[in-house]
Amino acid sequence: MPFFIPPPIRLTKKCERCAQRYPWSAKQCVHCAHLSDTQLIELKQRIAAEAKSSRVLGLWFYVLAALLFVILLLIKV
């Protein structure tokens, strides 16, 4: 019988500059330490756009699941 070995816990810190999480062992944020202020603004905009698209995709999955549930209820009746 194989044993389940849980993945290692990775400690992270939240960057005050870009609000992303980065490894605790890193001295600086791996996402924004090398960026200028204008590049940082672009990074934040890209992160916000990705978050919005993820929310939209999640909403579509929720609607699809609800439709499938209704269809299954109608078939069962």
PDB file of N, CA and C in Angstrom:
ATOM      1  N   MET A   1       0.846  -1.184   0.000  1.00  0.00           N
ATOM      2  CA  MET A   1       0.000   0.000   0.000  1.00  0.00           C
ATOM      3  C   MET A   1       0.890   1.247   0.000  1.00  0.00           C
ATOM      4  N   PRO A   2       0.738   2.097  -0.995  1.00  0.00           N
ATOM      5  CA  PRO A   2       1.591   3.306  -1.046  1.00  0.00           C
ATOM      6  C   PRO A   2       1.190   4.308   0.038  1.00  0.00           C
ATOM      7  N   PHE A   3       2.177   4.991   0.517  1.00  0.00           N
ATOM      8  CA  PHE A   3       1.941   6.015   1.527  1.00  0.00           C
ATOM      9  C   PHE A   3       1.717   7.359   0.864  1.00  0.00           C
ATOM     10  N   PHE A   4       0.827   8.139   1.446  1.00  0.00           N
ATOM     11  CA  PHE A   4       0.589   9.488   0.941  1.00  0.00           C
ATOM     12  C   PHE A   4       1.578  10.424   1.605  1.00  0.00           C
ATOM     13  N   ILE A   5       2.356  11.092   0.798  1.00  0.00           N
ATOM     14  CA  ILE A   5       3.308  12.078   1.314  1.00  0.00           C
ATOM     15  C   ILE A   5       2.788  13.453   0.925  1.00  0.00           C
ATOM     16  N   PRO A   6       2.395  14.257   1.895  1.00  0.00           N
ATOM     17  CA  PRO A   6       1.863  15.586   1.557  1.00  0.00           C
ATOM     18  C   PRO A   6       2.949  16.474   0.963  1.00  0.00           C
ATOM     19  N   PRO A   7       2.536  17.385   0.097  1.00  0.00           N
ATOM     20  CA  PRO A   7       3.529  18.303  -0.476  1.00  0.00           C
ATOM     21  C   PRO A   7       4.114  19.201   0.609  1.00  0.00           C
ATOM     22  N   PRO A   8       5.334  19.650   0.404  1.00  0.00           N
ATOM     23  CA  PRO A   8       5.946  20.517   1.414  1.00  0.00           C
ATOM     24  C   PRO A   8       5.206  21.850   1.534  1.00  0.00           C
ATOM     25  N   ILE A   9       5.159  22.355   2.733  1.00  0.00           N
ATOM     26  CA  ILE A   9       4.526  23.652   2.968  1.00  0.00           C
ATOM     27  C   ILE A   9       5.512  24.732   2.553  1.00  0.00           C
ATOM     28  N   ARG A  10       5.051  25.635   1.722  1.00  0.00           N
ATOM     29  CA  ARG A  10       5.918  26.711   1.246  1.00  0.00           C
ATOM     30  C   ARG A  10       5.513  28.006   1.925  1.00  0.00           C
ATOM     31  N   LEU A  11       6.423  28.547   2.679  1.00  0.00           N
ATOM     32  CA  LEU A  11       6.161  29.802   3.364  1.00  0.00           C
ATOM     33  C   LEU A  11       6.342  30.959   2.386  1.00  0.00           C
ATOM     34  N   THR A  12       5.386  31.869   2.423  1.00  0.00           N
ATOM     35  CA  THR A  12       5.452  33.015   1.519  1.00  0.00           C
ATOM     36  C   THR A  12       5.191  34.301   2.284  1.00  0.00           C
ATOM     37  N   LYS A  13       5.626  35.379   1.653  1.00  0.00           N
ATOM     38  CA  LYS A  13       5.363  36.719   2.170  1.00  0.00           C
ATOM     39  C   LYS A  13       4.576  37.472   1.112  1.00  0.00           C
ATOM     40  N   LYS A  14       3.806  38.456   1.544  1.00  0.00           N
ATOM     41  CA  LYS A  14       3.076  39.289   0.597  1.00  0.00           C
ATOM     42  C   LYS A  14       3.864  40.579   0.383  1.00  0.00           C
ATOM     43  N   CYS A  15       4.113  40.889  -0.877  1.00  0.00           N
ATOM     44  CA  CYS A  15       4.877  42.080  -1.227  1.00  0.00           C
ATOM     45  C   CYS A  15       4.020  43.329  -0.983  1.00  0.00           C
ATOM     46  N   GLU A  16       4.597  44.319  -0.341  1.00  0.00           N
ATOM     47  CA  GLU A  16       3.878  45.573  -0.090  1.00  0.00           C
ATOM     48  C   GLU A  16       3.768  46.419  -1.355  1.00  0.00           C
ATOM     49  N   ARG A  17       4.644  46.163  -2.300  1.00  0.00           N
ATOM     50  CA  ARG A  17       4.679  46.987  -3.517  1.00  0.00           C
ATOM     51  C   ARG A  17       3.695  46.488  -4.576  1.00  0.00           C
ATOM     52  N   CYS A  18       3.671  45.176  -4.820  1.00  0.00           N
ATOM     53  CA  CYS A  18       2.813  44.653  -5.900  1.00  0.00           C
ATOM     54  C   CYS A  18       1.684  43.758  -5.386  1.00  0.00           C
ATOM     55  N   ALA A  19       1.677  43.436  -4.118  1.00  0.00           N
ATOM     56  CA  ALA A  19       0.641  42.624  -3.463  1.00  0.00           C
ATOM     57  C   ALA A  19       0.665  41.159  -3.889  1.00  0.00           C
ATOM     58  N   GLN A  20       1.735  40.730  -4.545  1.00  0.00           N
ATOM     59  CA  GLN A  20       1.874  39.319  -4.910  1.00  0.00           C
ATOM     60  C   GLN A  20       2.618  38.588  -3.795  1.00  0.00           C
ATOM     61  N   ARG A  21       2.470  37.251  -3.765  1.00  0.00           N
ATOM     62  CA  ARG A  21       3.167  36.459  -2.772  1.00  0.00           C
ATOM     63  C   ARG A  21       4.469  35.944  -3.387  1.00  0.00           C
ATOM     64  N   TYR A  22       5.512  35.897  -2.565  1.00  0.00           N
ATOM     65  CA  TYR A  22       6.808  35.399  -3.019  1.00  0.00           C
ATOM     66  C   TYR A  22       7.437  34.586  -1.903  1.00  0.00           C
ATOM     67  N   PRO A  23       8.403  33.710  -2.226  1.00  0.00           N
ATOM     68  CA  PRO A  23       8.975  32.810  -1.224  1.00  0.00           C
ATOM     69  C   PRO A  23       9.595  33.551  -0.041  1.00  0.00           C
ATOM     70  N   TRP A  24       9.414  32.976   1.120  1.00  0.00           N
ATOM     71  CA  TRP A  24       9.940  33.553   2.354  1.00  0.00           C
ATOM     72  C   TRP A  24      11.467  33.653   2.290  1.00  0.00           C
ATOM     73  N   SER A  25      12.093  32.718   1.600  1.00  0.00           N
ATOM     74  CA  SER A  25      13.556  32.692   1.550  1.00  0.00           C
ATOM     75  C   SER A  25      14.138  33.773   0.636  1.00  0.00           C
ATOM     76  N   ALA A  26      13.324  34.353  -0.235  1.00  0.00           N
ATOM     77  CA  ALA A  26      13.819  35.399  -1.137  1.00  0.00           C
ATOM     78  C   ALA A  26      14.004  36.704  -0.370  1.00  0.00           C
ATOM     79  N   LYS A  27      15.052  37.427  -0.719  1.00  0.00           N
ATOM     80  CA  LYS A  27      15.314  38.696  -0.045  1.00  0.00           C
ATOM     81  C   LYS A  27      14.401  39.803  -0.540  1.00  0.00           C
ATOM     82  N   GLN A  28      14.054  39.740  -1.833  1.00  0.00           N
ATOM     83  CA  GLN A  28      13.176  40.741  -2.443  1.00  0.00           C
ATOM     84  C   GLN A  28      12.083  40.024  -3.213  1.00  0.00           C
ATOM     85  N   CYS A  29      11.047  40.752  -3.542  1.00  0.00           N
ATOM     86  CA  CYS A  29       9.954  40.202  -4.330  1.00  0.00           C
ATOM     87  C   CYS A  29      10.477  39.776  -5.704  1.00  0.00           C
ATOM     88  N   VAL A  30      10.139  38.564  -6.089  1.00  0.00           N
ATOM     89  CA  VAL A  30      10.594  38.056  -7.382  1.00  0.00           C
ATOM     90  C   VAL A  30       9.763  38.623  -8.535  1.00  0.00           C
ATOM     91  N   HIS A  31       8.652  39.266  -8.215  1.00  0.00           N
ATOM     92  CA  HIS A  31       7.775  39.804  -9.255  1.00  0.00           C
ATOM     93  C   HIS A  31       8.095  41.256  -9.609  1.00  0.00           C
ATOM     94  N   CYS A  32       8.444  42.059  -8.621  1.00  0.00           N
ATOM     95  CA  CYS A  32       8.544  43.494  -8.886  1.00  0.00           C
ATOM     96  C   CYS A  32       9.845  44.154  -8.449  1.00  0.00           C
ATOM     97  N   ALA A  33      10.757  43.439  -7.863  1.00  0.00           N
ATOM     98  CA  ALA A  33      11.979  44.068  -7.359  1.00  0.00           C
ATOM     99  C   ALA A  33      12.800  44.714  -8.472  1.00  0.00           C
ATOM    100  N   HIS A  34      12.736  44.162  -9.664  1.00  0.00           N
ATOM    101  CA  HIS A  34      13.543  44.662 -10.783  1.00  0.00           C
ATOM    102  C   HIS A  34      12.766  45.625 -11.687  1.00  0.00           C
ATOM    103  N   LEU A  35      11.530  45.947 -11.324  1.00  0.00           N
ATOM    104  CA  LEU A  35      10.677  46.784 -12.186  1.00  0.00           C
ATOM    105  C   LEU A  35      10.718  48.254 -11.794  1.00  0.00           C
ATOM    106  N   SER A  36      10.593  49.105 -12.793  1.00  0.00           N
ATOM    107  CA  SER A  36      10.453  50.545 -12.528  1.00  0.00           C
ATOM    108  C   SER A  36       9.000  50.811 -12.130  1.00  0.00           C
ATOM    109  N   ASP A  37       8.697  52.042 -11.773  1.00  0.00           N
ATOM    110  CA  ASP A  37       7.345  52.378 -11.351  1.00  0.00           C
ATOM    111  C   ASP A  37       6.329  52.200 -12.479  1.00  0.00           C
ATOM    112  N   THR A  38       6.702  52.563 -13.694  1.00  0.00           N
ATOM    113  CA  THR A  38       5.766  52.393 -14.816  1.00  0.00           C
ATOM    114  C   THR A  38       5.564  50.917 -15.130  1.00  0.00           C
ATOM    115  N   GLN A  39       6.619  50.122 -15.027  1.00  0.00           N
ATOM    116  CA  GLN A  39       6.483  48.684 -15.252  1.00  0.00           C
ATOM    117  C   GLN A  39       5.639  48.042 -14.151  1.00  0.00           C
ATOM    118  N   LEU A  40       5.765  48.567 -12.937  1.00  0.00           N
ATOM    119  CA  LEU A  40       4.963  48.064 -11.827  1.00  0.00           C
ATOM    120  C   LEU A  40       3.478  48.327 -12.077  1.00  0.00           C
ATOM    121  N   ILE A  41       3.152  49.498 -12.587  1.00  0.00           N
ATOM    122  CA  ILE A  41       1.754  49.819 -12.905  1.00  0.00           C
ATOM    123  C   ILE A  41       1.231  48.854 -13.963  1.00  0.00           C
ATOM    124  N   GLU A  42       2.046  48.566 -14.975  1.00  0.00           N
ATOM    125  CA  GLU A  42       1.644  47.615 -16.017  1.00  0.00           C
ATOM    126  C   GLU A  42       1.437  46.222 -15.444  1.00  0.00           C
ATOM    127  N   LEU A  43       2.314  45.806 -14.517  1.00  0.00           N
ATOM    128  CA  LEU A  43       2.175  44.508 -13.867  1.00  0.00           C
ATOM    129  C   LEU A  43       0.864  44.432 -13.095  1.00  0.00           C
ATOM    130  N   LYS A  44       0.561  45.472 -12.326  1.00  0.00           N
ATOM    131  CA  LYS A  44      -0.688  45.481 -11.553  1.00  0.00           C
ATOM    132  C   LYS A  44      -1.905  45.438 -12.470  1.00  0.00           C
ATOM    133  N   GLN A  45      -1.840  46.143 -13.603  1.00  0.00           N
ATOM    134  CA  GLN A  45      -2.958  46.117 -14.549  1.00  0.00           C
ATOM    135  C   GLN A  45      -3.119  44.725 -15.157  1.00  0.00           C
ATOM    136  N   ARG A  46      -2.012  44.081 -15.480  1.00  0.00           N
ATOM    137  CA  ARG A  46      -2.076  42.728 -16.049  1.00  0.00           C
ATOM    138  C   ARG A  46      -2.642  41.743 -15.038  1.00  0.00           C
ATOM    139  N   ILE A  47      -2.224  41.860 -13.778  1.00  0.00           N
ATOM    140  CA  ILE A  47      -2.723  40.977 -12.724  1.00  0.00           C
ATOM    141  C   ILE A  47      -4.224  41.189 -12.535  1.00  0.00           C
ATOM    142  N   ALA A  48      -4.665  42.446 -12.554  1.00  0.00           N
ATOM    143  CA  ALA A  48      -6.093  42.738 -12.409  1.00  0.00           C
ATOM    144  C   ALA A  48      -6.895  42.176 -13.579  1.00  0.00           C
ATOM    145  N   ALA A  49      -6.355  42.273 -14.793  1.00  0.00           N
ATOM    146  CA  ALA A  49      -7.044  41.738 -15.970  1.00  0.00           C
ATOM    147  C   ALA A  49      -7.140  40.219 -15.895  1.00  0.00           C
ATOM    148  N   GLU A  50      -6.081  39.565 -15.445  1.00  0.00           N
ATOM    149  CA  GLU A  50      -6.104  38.111 -15.307  1.00  0.00           C
ATOM    150  C   GLU A  50      -7.113  37.687 -14.241  1.00  0.00           C
ATOM    151  N   ALA A  51      -7.185  38.431 -13.149  1.00  0.00           N
ATOM    152  CA  ALA A  51      -8.144  38.109 -12.096  1.00  0.00           C
ATOM    153  C   ALA A  51      -9.574  38.270 -12.606  1.00  0.00           C
ATOM    154  N   LYS A  52      -9.809  39.312 -13.389  1.00  0.00           N
ATOM    155  CA  LYS A  52     -11.146  39.538 -13.936  1.00  0.00           C
ATOM    156  C   LYS A  52     -11.529  38.410 -14.889  1.00  0.00           C
ATOM    157  N   SER A  53     -10.603  37.996 -15.755  1.00  0.00           N
ATOM    158  CA  SER A  53     -10.920  36.919 -16.696  1.00  0.00           C
ATOM    159  C   SER A  53     -11.160  35.602 -15.957  1.00  0.00           C
ATOM    160  N   SER A  54     -10.459  35.392 -14.848  1.00  0.00           N
ATOM    161  CA  SER A  54     -10.691  34.185 -14.044  1.00  0.00           C
ATOM    162  C   SER A  54     -12.071  34.214 -13.403  1.00  0.00           C
ATOM    163  N   ARG A  55     -12.489  35.391 -12.932  1.00  0.00           N
ATOM    164  CA  ARG A  55     -13.830  35.511 -12.349  1.00  0.00           C
ATOM    165  C   ARG A  55     -14.896  35.247 -13.396  1.00  0.00           C
ATOM    166  N   VAL A  56     -14.701  35.759 -14.600  1.00  0.00           N
ATOM    167  CA  VAL A  56     -15.674  35.557 -15.679  1.00  0.00           C
ATOM    168  C   VAL A  56     -15.744  34.075 -16.034  1.00  0.00           C
ATOM    169  N   LEU A  57     -14.604  33.417 -16.133  1.00  0.00           N
ATOM    170  CA  LEU A  57     -14.581  31.996 -16.440  1.00  0.00           C
ATOM    171  C   LEU A  57     -15.281  31.198 -15.339  1.00  0.00           C
ATOM    172  N   GLY A  58     -15.033  31.558 -14.093  1.00  0.00           N
ATOM    173  CA  GLY A  58     -15.697  30.895 -12.977  1.00  0.00           C
ATOM    174  C   GLY A  58     -17.204  31.069 -13.040  1.00  0.00           C
ATOM    175  N   LEU A  59     -17.660  32.252 -13.420  1.00  0.00           N
ATOM    176  CA  LEU A  59     -19.093  32.505 -13.554  1.00  0.00           C
ATOM    177  C   LEU A  59     -19.692  31.627 -14.646  1.00  0.00           C
ATOM    178  N   TRP A  60     -18.989  31.487 -15.772  1.00  0.00           N
ATOM    179  CA  TRP A  60     -19.481  30.628 -16.847  1.00  0.00           C
ATOM    180  C   TRP A  60     -19.589  29.180 -16.393  1.00  0.00           C
ATOM    181  N   PHE A  61     -18.625  28.696 -15.633  1.00  0.00           N
ATOM    182  CA  PHE A  61     -18.699  27.331 -15.116  1.00  0.00           C
ATOM    183  C   PHE A  61     -19.877  27.182 -14.150  1.00  0.00           C
ATOM    184  N   TYR A  62     -20.115  28.182 -13.336  1.00  0.00           N
ATOM    185  CA  TYR A  62     -21.245  28.147 -12.410  1.00  0.00           C
ATOM    186  C   TYR A  62     -22.564  28.085 -13.183  1.00  0.00           C
ATOM    187  N   VAL A  63     -22.715  28.897 -14.216  1.00  0.00           N
ATOM    188  CA  VAL A  63     -23.933  28.902 -15.028  1.00  0.00           C
ATOM    189  C   VAL A  63     -24.100  27.558 -15.723  1.00  0.00           C
ATOM    190  N   LEU A  64     -23.035  27.013 -16.261  1.00  0.00           N
ATOM    191  CA  LEU A  64     -23.095  25.721 -16.928  1.00  0.00           C
ATOM    192  C   LEU A  64     -23.505  24.620 -15.950  1.00  0.00           C
ATOM    193  N   ALA A  65     -22.942  24.629 -14.760  1.00  0.00           N
ATOM    194  CA  ALA A  65     -23.299  23.633 -13.744  1.00  0.00           C
ATOM    195  C   ALA A  65     -24.772  23.763 -13.359  1.00  0.00           C
ATOM    196  N   ALA A  66     -25.260  24.982 -13.213  1.00  0.00           N
ATOM    197  CA  ALA A  66     -26.661  25.188 -12.872  1.00  0.00           C
ATOM    198  C   ALA A  66     -27.567  24.684 -13.994  1.00  0.00           C
ATOM    199  N   LEU A  67     -27.200  24.957 -15.237  1.00  0.00           N
ATOM    200  CA  LEU A  67     -27.998  24.462 -16.366  1.00  0.00           C
ATOM    201  C   LEU A  67     -28.014  22.937 -16.416  1.00  0.00           C
ATOM    202  N   LEU A  68     -26.879  22.320 -16.210  1.00  0.00           N
ATOM    203  CA  LEU A  68     -26.824  20.866 -16.187  1.00  0.00           C
ATOM    204  C   LEU A  68     -27.672  20.300 -15.065  1.00  0.00           C
ATOM    205  N   PHE A  69     -27.659  20.935 -13.925  1.00  0.00           N
ATOM    206  CA  PHE A  69     -28.468  20.499 -12.790  1.00  0.00           C
ATOM    207  C   PHE A  69     -29.953  20.564 -13.142  1.00  0.00           C
ATOM    208  N   VAL A  70     -30.382  21.641 -13.748  1.00  0.00           N
ATOM    209  CA  VAL A  70     -31.791  21.794 -14.138  1.00  0.00           C
ATOM    210  C   VAL A  70     -32.161  20.743 -15.184  1.00  0.00           C
ATOM    211  N   ILE A  71     -31.291  20.526 -16.159  1.00  0.00           N
ATOM    212  CA  ILE A  71     -31.570  19.522 -17.191  1.00  0.00           C
ATOM    213  C   ILE A  71     -31.692  18.133 -16.576  1.00  0.00           C
ATOM    214  N   LEU A  72     -30.808  17.803 -15.650  1.00  0.00           N
ATOM    215  CA  LEU A  72     -30.876  16.504 -14.991  1.00  0.00           C
ATOM    216  C   LEU A  72     -32.167  16.364 -14.173  1.00  0.00           C
ATOM    217  N   LEU A  73     -32.583  17.435 -13.532  1.00  0.00           N
ATOM    218  CA  LEU A  73     -33.847  17.397 -12.795  1.00  0.00           C
ATOM    219  C   LEU A  73     -35.023  17.167 -13.724  1.00  0.00           C
ATOM    220  N   LEU A  74     -35.019  17.820 -14.889  1.00  0.00           N
ATOM    221  CA  LEU A  74     -36.103  17.674 -15.840  1.00  0.00           C
ATOM    222  C   LEU A  74     -36.136  16.267 -16.443  1.00  0.00           C
ATOM    223  N   ILE A  75     -34.973  15.692 -16.676  1.00  0.00           N
ATOM    224  CA  ILE A  75     -34.912  14.338 -17.232  1.00  0.00           C
ATOM    225  C   ILE A  75     -35.417  13.325 -16.219  1.00  0.00           C
ATOM    226  N   LYS A  76     -35.092  13.532 -14.959  1.00  0.00           N
ATOM    227  CA  LYS A  76     -35.470  12.584 -13.912  1.00  0.00           C
ATOM    228  C   LYS A  76     -36.984  12.610 -13.673  1.00  0.00           C
ATOM    229  N   VAL A  77     -37.632  13.721 -13.892  1.00  0.00           N
ATOM    230  CA  VAL A  77     -39.073  13.844 -13.652  1.00  0.00           C
ATOM    231  C   VAL A  77     -39.824  13.261 -14.752  1.00  0.00           C
TER     232      VAL A  77
END
